[in-house]
N, C-alpha and C. Protein backbone atom coordinates (compact mmCIF):
# COMPACT_ATOMS: atom_id res chain seq x y z
N MET A 1 138.39 21.90 32.67
CA MET A 1 139.76 22.35 32.48
C MET A 1 140.57 22.04 33.74
N ASN A 2 141.82 21.78 33.57
CA ASN A 2 142.69 21.41 34.68
C ASN A 2 143.13 22.67 35.43
N PHE A 3 142.91 22.67 36.76
CA PHE A 3 143.25 23.86 37.55
C PHE A 3 144.76 24.04 37.68
N ASN A 4 145.51 22.99 37.62
CA ASN A 4 146.98 23.12 37.68
C ASN A 4 147.50 23.93 36.51
N VAL A 5 146.92 23.75 35.35
CA VAL A 5 147.34 24.49 34.16
C VAL A 5 147.00 25.97 34.33
N ILE A 6 145.83 26.24 34.89
CA ILE A 6 145.43 27.64 35.11
C ILE A 6 146.37 28.31 36.10
N LEU A 7 146.68 27.62 37.19
CA LEU A 7 147.56 28.21 38.19
C LEU A 7 148.97 28.40 37.65
N LEU A 8 149.46 27.45 36.89
CA LEU A 8 150.80 27.59 36.33
C LEU A 8 150.85 28.70 35.31
N ASN A 9 149.79 28.92 34.57
CA ASN A 9 149.76 30.01 33.60
C ASN A 9 149.63 31.37 34.28
N ALA A 10 149.00 31.42 35.45
CA ALA A 10 148.80 32.68 36.16
C ALA A 10 150.04 33.07 36.95
N ALA A 11 150.85 32.13 37.35
CA ALA A 11 152.01 32.42 38.19
C ALA A 11 153.00 33.38 37.54
N PRO A 12 153.35 33.24 36.27
CA PRO A 12 154.30 34.19 35.68
C PRO A 12 153.75 35.61 35.64
N ALA A 13 152.43 35.77 35.52
CA ALA A 13 151.87 37.12 35.49
C ALA A 13 152.09 37.82 36.81
N VAL A 14 152.01 37.11 37.92
CA VAL A 14 152.26 37.70 39.23
C VAL A 14 153.73 38.04 39.40
N GLU A 15 154.59 37.18 38.91
CA GLU A 15 156.02 37.43 39.03
C GLU A 15 156.46 38.61 38.19
N GLN A 16 155.73 38.95 37.13
CA GLN A 16 156.11 40.04 36.26
C GLN A 16 155.75 41.40 36.86
N LEU A 17 154.90 41.42 37.90
CA LEU A 17 154.53 42.68 38.53
C LEU A 17 155.71 43.25 39.31
N SER A 18 155.83 44.57 39.30
CA SER A 18 156.89 45.20 40.09
C SER A 18 156.45 45.21 41.55
N ASN A 19 157.40 45.54 42.40
CA ASN A 19 157.10 45.60 43.83
C ASN A 19 156.04 46.66 44.11
N TRP A 20 156.11 47.77 43.38
CA TRP A 20 155.14 48.84 43.60
C TRP A 20 153.73 48.36 43.22
N ASP A 21 153.62 47.63 42.11
CA ASP A 21 152.32 47.11 41.69
C ASP A 21 151.77 46.12 42.71
N LYS A 22 152.64 45.29 43.25
CA LYS A 22 152.21 44.35 44.29
C LYS A 22 151.73 45.09 45.54
N PHE A 23 152.44 46.16 45.89
CA PHE A 23 152.08 46.96 47.05
C PHE A 23 150.73 47.63 46.84
N VAL A 24 150.52 48.20 45.67
CA VAL A 24 149.25 48.85 45.36
C VAL A 24 148.11 47.83 45.37
N GLU A 25 148.37 46.66 44.82
CA GLU A 25 147.35 45.61 44.82
C GLU A 25 147.02 45.17 46.24
N ALA A 26 148.04 45.07 47.08
CA ALA A 26 147.81 44.70 48.48
C ALA A 26 146.99 45.77 49.19
N LEU A 27 147.30 47.06 48.95
CA LEU A 27 146.52 48.14 49.56
C LEU A 27 145.08 48.13 49.07
N LEU A 28 144.90 47.84 47.79
CA LEU A 28 143.56 47.77 47.23
C LEU A 28 142.75 46.64 47.86
N LEU A 29 143.36 45.49 48.00
CA LEU A 29 142.68 44.36 48.64
C LEU A 29 142.35 44.67 50.10
N MET A 30 143.28 45.33 50.80
CA MET A 30 143.03 45.69 52.19
C MET A 30 141.87 46.68 52.28
N ALA A 31 141.85 47.68 51.38
CA ALA A 31 140.77 48.67 51.41
C ALA A 31 139.43 48.03 51.11
N ILE A 32 139.40 47.11 50.15
CA ILE A 32 138.15 46.42 49.83
C ILE A 32 137.69 45.59 51.03
N GLY A 33 138.60 44.91 51.69
CA GLY A 33 138.25 44.12 52.87
C GLY A 33 137.72 44.98 54.00
N MET A 34 138.39 46.11 54.27
CA MET A 34 137.96 46.99 55.35
C MET A 34 136.60 47.61 55.02
N LEU A 35 136.40 47.98 53.75
CA LEU A 35 135.12 48.55 53.35
C LEU A 35 134.01 47.51 53.49
N THR A 36 134.30 46.29 53.15
CA THR A 36 133.30 45.22 53.29
C THR A 36 132.91 45.02 54.76
N VAL A 37 133.89 44.99 55.64
CA VAL A 37 133.61 44.83 57.07
C VAL A 37 132.80 46.02 57.58
N PHE A 38 133.16 47.23 57.14
CA PHE A 38 132.46 48.43 57.57
C PHE A 38 130.99 48.39 57.14
N VAL A 39 130.75 48.00 55.89
CA VAL A 39 129.38 47.92 55.37
C VAL A 39 128.58 46.86 56.13
N VAL A 40 129.19 45.72 56.40
CA VAL A 40 128.49 44.66 57.14
C VAL A 40 128.15 45.15 58.55
N LEU A 41 129.06 45.85 59.20
CA LEU A 41 128.78 46.37 60.54
C LEU A 41 127.66 47.41 60.51
N LEU A 42 127.64 48.25 59.48
CA LEU A 42 126.54 49.22 59.36
C LEU A 42 125.21 48.51 59.17
N ILE A 43 125.20 47.44 58.39
CA ILE A 43 123.97 46.68 58.19
C ILE A 43 123.51 46.06 59.51
N ILE A 44 124.46 45.53 60.29
CA ILE A 44 124.12 44.94 61.59
C ILE A 44 123.54 46.00 62.52
N ILE A 45 124.14 47.19 62.55
CA ILE A 45 123.64 48.27 63.41
C ILE A 45 122.24 48.68 62.98
N PHE A 46 122.04 48.84 61.67
CA PHE A 46 120.72 49.24 61.15
C PHE A 46 119.66 48.20 61.51
N LEU A 47 119.96 46.93 61.27
CA LEU A 47 118.99 45.88 61.57
C LEU A 47 118.73 45.76 63.07
N GLY A 48 119.77 45.97 63.89
CA GLY A 48 119.58 45.92 65.35
C GLY A 48 118.66 47.04 65.82
N ASN A 49 118.88 48.25 65.30
CA ASN A 49 118.01 49.37 65.68
C ASN A 49 116.59 49.15 65.20
N LEU A 50 116.44 48.60 63.99
CA LEU A 50 115.12 48.30 63.47
C LEU A 50 114.40 47.26 64.34
N LEU A 51 115.13 46.25 64.79
CA LEU A 51 114.56 45.24 65.67
C LEU A 51 114.13 45.85 67.01
N ILE A 52 114.96 46.70 67.57
CA ILE A 52 114.62 47.35 68.85
C ILE A 52 113.36 48.20 68.71
N LYS A 53 113.30 49.00 67.63
CA LYS A 53 112.13 49.86 67.44
C LYS A 53 110.86 49.03 67.21
N THR A 54 110.99 47.94 66.46
CA THR A 54 109.83 47.09 66.19
C THR A 54 109.32 46.44 67.48
N VAL A 55 110.23 45.91 68.26
CA VAL A 55 109.81 45.26 69.52
C VAL A 55 109.20 46.28 70.47
N ASN A 56 109.79 47.47 70.57
CA ASN A 56 109.24 48.49 71.46
C ASN A 56 107.89 49.00 70.99
N ARG A 57 107.67 48.98 69.67
CA ARG A 57 106.38 49.46 69.15
C ARG A 57 105.27 48.45 69.38
N PHE A 58 105.53 47.18 69.11
CA PHE A 58 104.47 46.18 69.20
C PHE A 58 104.38 45.51 70.58
N PHE A 59 105.43 45.56 71.36
CA PHE A 59 105.44 44.96 72.69
C PHE A 59 105.99 45.96 73.71
N PRO A 60 105.26 47.04 73.96
CA PRO A 60 105.78 48.04 74.90
C PRO A 60 105.83 47.49 76.32
N GLU A 61 106.82 47.94 77.02
CA GLU A 61 106.97 47.51 78.42
C GLU A 61 106.10 48.41 79.29
N GLU A 62 105.28 47.78 80.12
CA GLU A 62 104.41 48.55 80.98
C GLU A 62 105.20 49.13 82.14
N ALA A 63 105.01 50.41 82.38
CA ALA A 63 105.70 51.08 83.48
C ALA A 63 105.01 50.73 84.79
N LYS A 64 105.79 50.25 85.71
CA LYS A 64 105.25 49.90 87.02
C LYS A 64 105.69 50.97 88.02
N PRO A 65 104.74 51.53 88.75
CA PRO A 65 105.12 52.55 89.73
C PRO A 65 105.97 51.93 90.84
N VAL A 66 106.99 52.68 91.21
CA VAL A 66 107.88 52.21 92.26
C VAL A 66 107.41 52.78 93.59
N VAL A 67 107.07 51.90 94.48
CA VAL A 67 106.60 52.31 95.80
C VAL A 67 107.65 51.90 96.82
N GLN A 68 108.17 52.89 97.50
CA GLN A 68 109.16 52.60 98.53
C GLN A 68 108.48 52.65 99.89
N LYS A 69 108.65 51.57 100.58
CA LYS A 69 108.11 51.51 101.93
C LYS A 69 109.24 51.76 102.91
N VAL A 70 109.13 52.83 103.65
CA VAL A 70 110.14 53.16 104.64
C VAL A 70 109.68 52.60 105.97
N GLN A 71 110.47 51.69 106.47
CA GLN A 71 110.11 51.09 107.75
C GLN A 71 110.68 51.94 108.88
N ALA A 72 109.90 52.08 109.89
CA ALA A 72 110.31 52.88 111.04
C ALA A 72 111.38 52.13 111.83
N ILE A 73 112.35 52.88 112.29
CA ILE A 73 113.40 52.31 113.12
C ILE A 73 113.07 52.63 114.57
N ASP A 74 113.28 51.66 115.41
CA ASP A 74 112.99 51.82 116.83
C ASP A 74 113.77 53.01 117.38
N ALA A 75 113.14 53.75 118.28
CA ALA A 75 113.76 54.95 118.86
C ALA A 75 115.05 54.61 119.60
N ASN A 76 115.11 53.45 120.27
CA ASN A 76 116.33 53.06 120.98
C ASN A 76 117.47 52.79 120.00
N VAL A 77 117.15 52.18 118.86
CA VAL A 77 118.17 51.90 117.86
C VAL A 77 118.68 53.21 117.25
N GLN A 78 117.77 54.14 116.96
CA GLN A 78 118.19 55.44 116.43
C GLN A 78 119.12 56.16 117.40
N GLU A 79 118.77 56.14 118.65
CA GLU A 79 119.61 56.81 119.67
C GLU A 79 120.97 56.15 119.76
N ALA A 80 121.02 54.82 119.69
CA ALA A 80 122.30 54.11 119.75
C ALA A 80 123.17 54.46 118.53
N ILE A 81 122.55 54.56 117.35
CA ILE A 81 123.31 54.91 116.15
C ILE A 81 123.86 56.32 116.27
N LYS A 82 123.04 57.25 116.74
CA LYS A 82 123.50 58.64 116.91
C LYS A 82 124.67 58.72 117.89
N LYS A 83 124.57 58.00 119.00
CA LYS A 83 125.66 58.01 119.99
C LYS A 83 126.92 57.37 119.42
N ALA A 84 126.77 56.32 118.60
CA ALA A 84 127.93 55.66 118.00
C ALA A 84 128.63 56.60 117.02
N ILE A 85 127.85 57.36 116.25
CA ILE A 85 128.46 58.30 115.30
C ILE A 85 129.22 59.39 116.03
N VAL A 86 128.64 59.92 117.10
CA VAL A 86 129.31 60.96 117.89
C VAL A 86 130.58 60.40 118.53
N ALA A 87 130.50 59.15 119.03
CA ALA A 87 131.67 58.56 119.68
C ALA A 87 132.78 58.28 118.68
N ILE A 88 132.45 57.76 117.53
CA ILE A 88 133.48 57.43 116.53
C ILE A 88 134.12 58.68 115.96
N SER A 89 133.31 59.74 115.74
CA SER A 89 133.86 60.96 115.15
C SER A 89 134.47 61.88 116.18
N GLY A 90 134.42 61.52 117.42
CA GLY A 90 135.00 62.36 118.47
C GLY A 90 134.17 63.61 118.72
N GLY A 91 132.87 63.54 118.47
CA GLY A 91 131.98 64.67 118.71
C GLY A 91 131.92 65.65 117.55
N LYS A 92 132.59 65.36 116.43
CA LYS A 92 132.62 66.28 115.28
C LYS A 92 131.44 66.08 114.34
N GLN A 93 130.85 64.91 114.34
CA GLN A 93 129.75 64.60 113.42
C GLN A 93 128.54 64.16 114.24
N SER A 94 127.35 64.36 113.63
CA SER A 94 126.13 63.85 114.25
C SER A 94 125.14 63.49 113.16
N ALA A 95 124.22 62.58 113.48
CA ALA A 95 123.21 62.14 112.52
C ALA A 95 121.96 62.97 112.70
N GLN A 96 121.45 63.49 111.59
CA GLN A 96 120.23 64.29 111.64
C GLN A 96 118.98 63.43 111.42
N ASN A 97 119.11 62.50 110.45
CA ASN A 97 117.95 61.69 110.10
C ASN A 97 118.45 60.26 109.79
N ILE A 98 117.79 59.29 110.37
CA ILE A 98 118.19 57.89 110.17
C ILE A 98 116.98 57.16 109.59
N GLU A 99 117.17 56.59 108.39
CA GLU A 99 116.09 55.85 107.74
C GLU A 99 116.63 54.48 107.30
N LYS A 100 115.75 53.50 107.33
CA LYS A 100 116.12 52.17 106.86
C LYS A 100 115.90 52.10 105.35
N LEU A 101 116.89 51.60 104.64
CA LEU A 101 116.77 51.49 103.18
C LEU A 101 116.24 50.14 102.78
């Protein structure tokens, strides 16, 4: 069948609709589109969570203990830092403990 004939026959039906009917049809199409996007996003979220749970179940990450090594700071350097803090703060502040990170 010729599509031009179908389109020409359908055109008067659209023109016969009132403005209110066109508005309602537009709202209906918008609602269907928004609902479709919402459902697709829910499916993506569900599948993403399922993938995360599956990977965590079959390939668990091994916990590695964190060991912090604190290196000792030379006594002369500690004294210089303490004196610098007192000098900069005008004697109002002092360092109690100095550790290297």
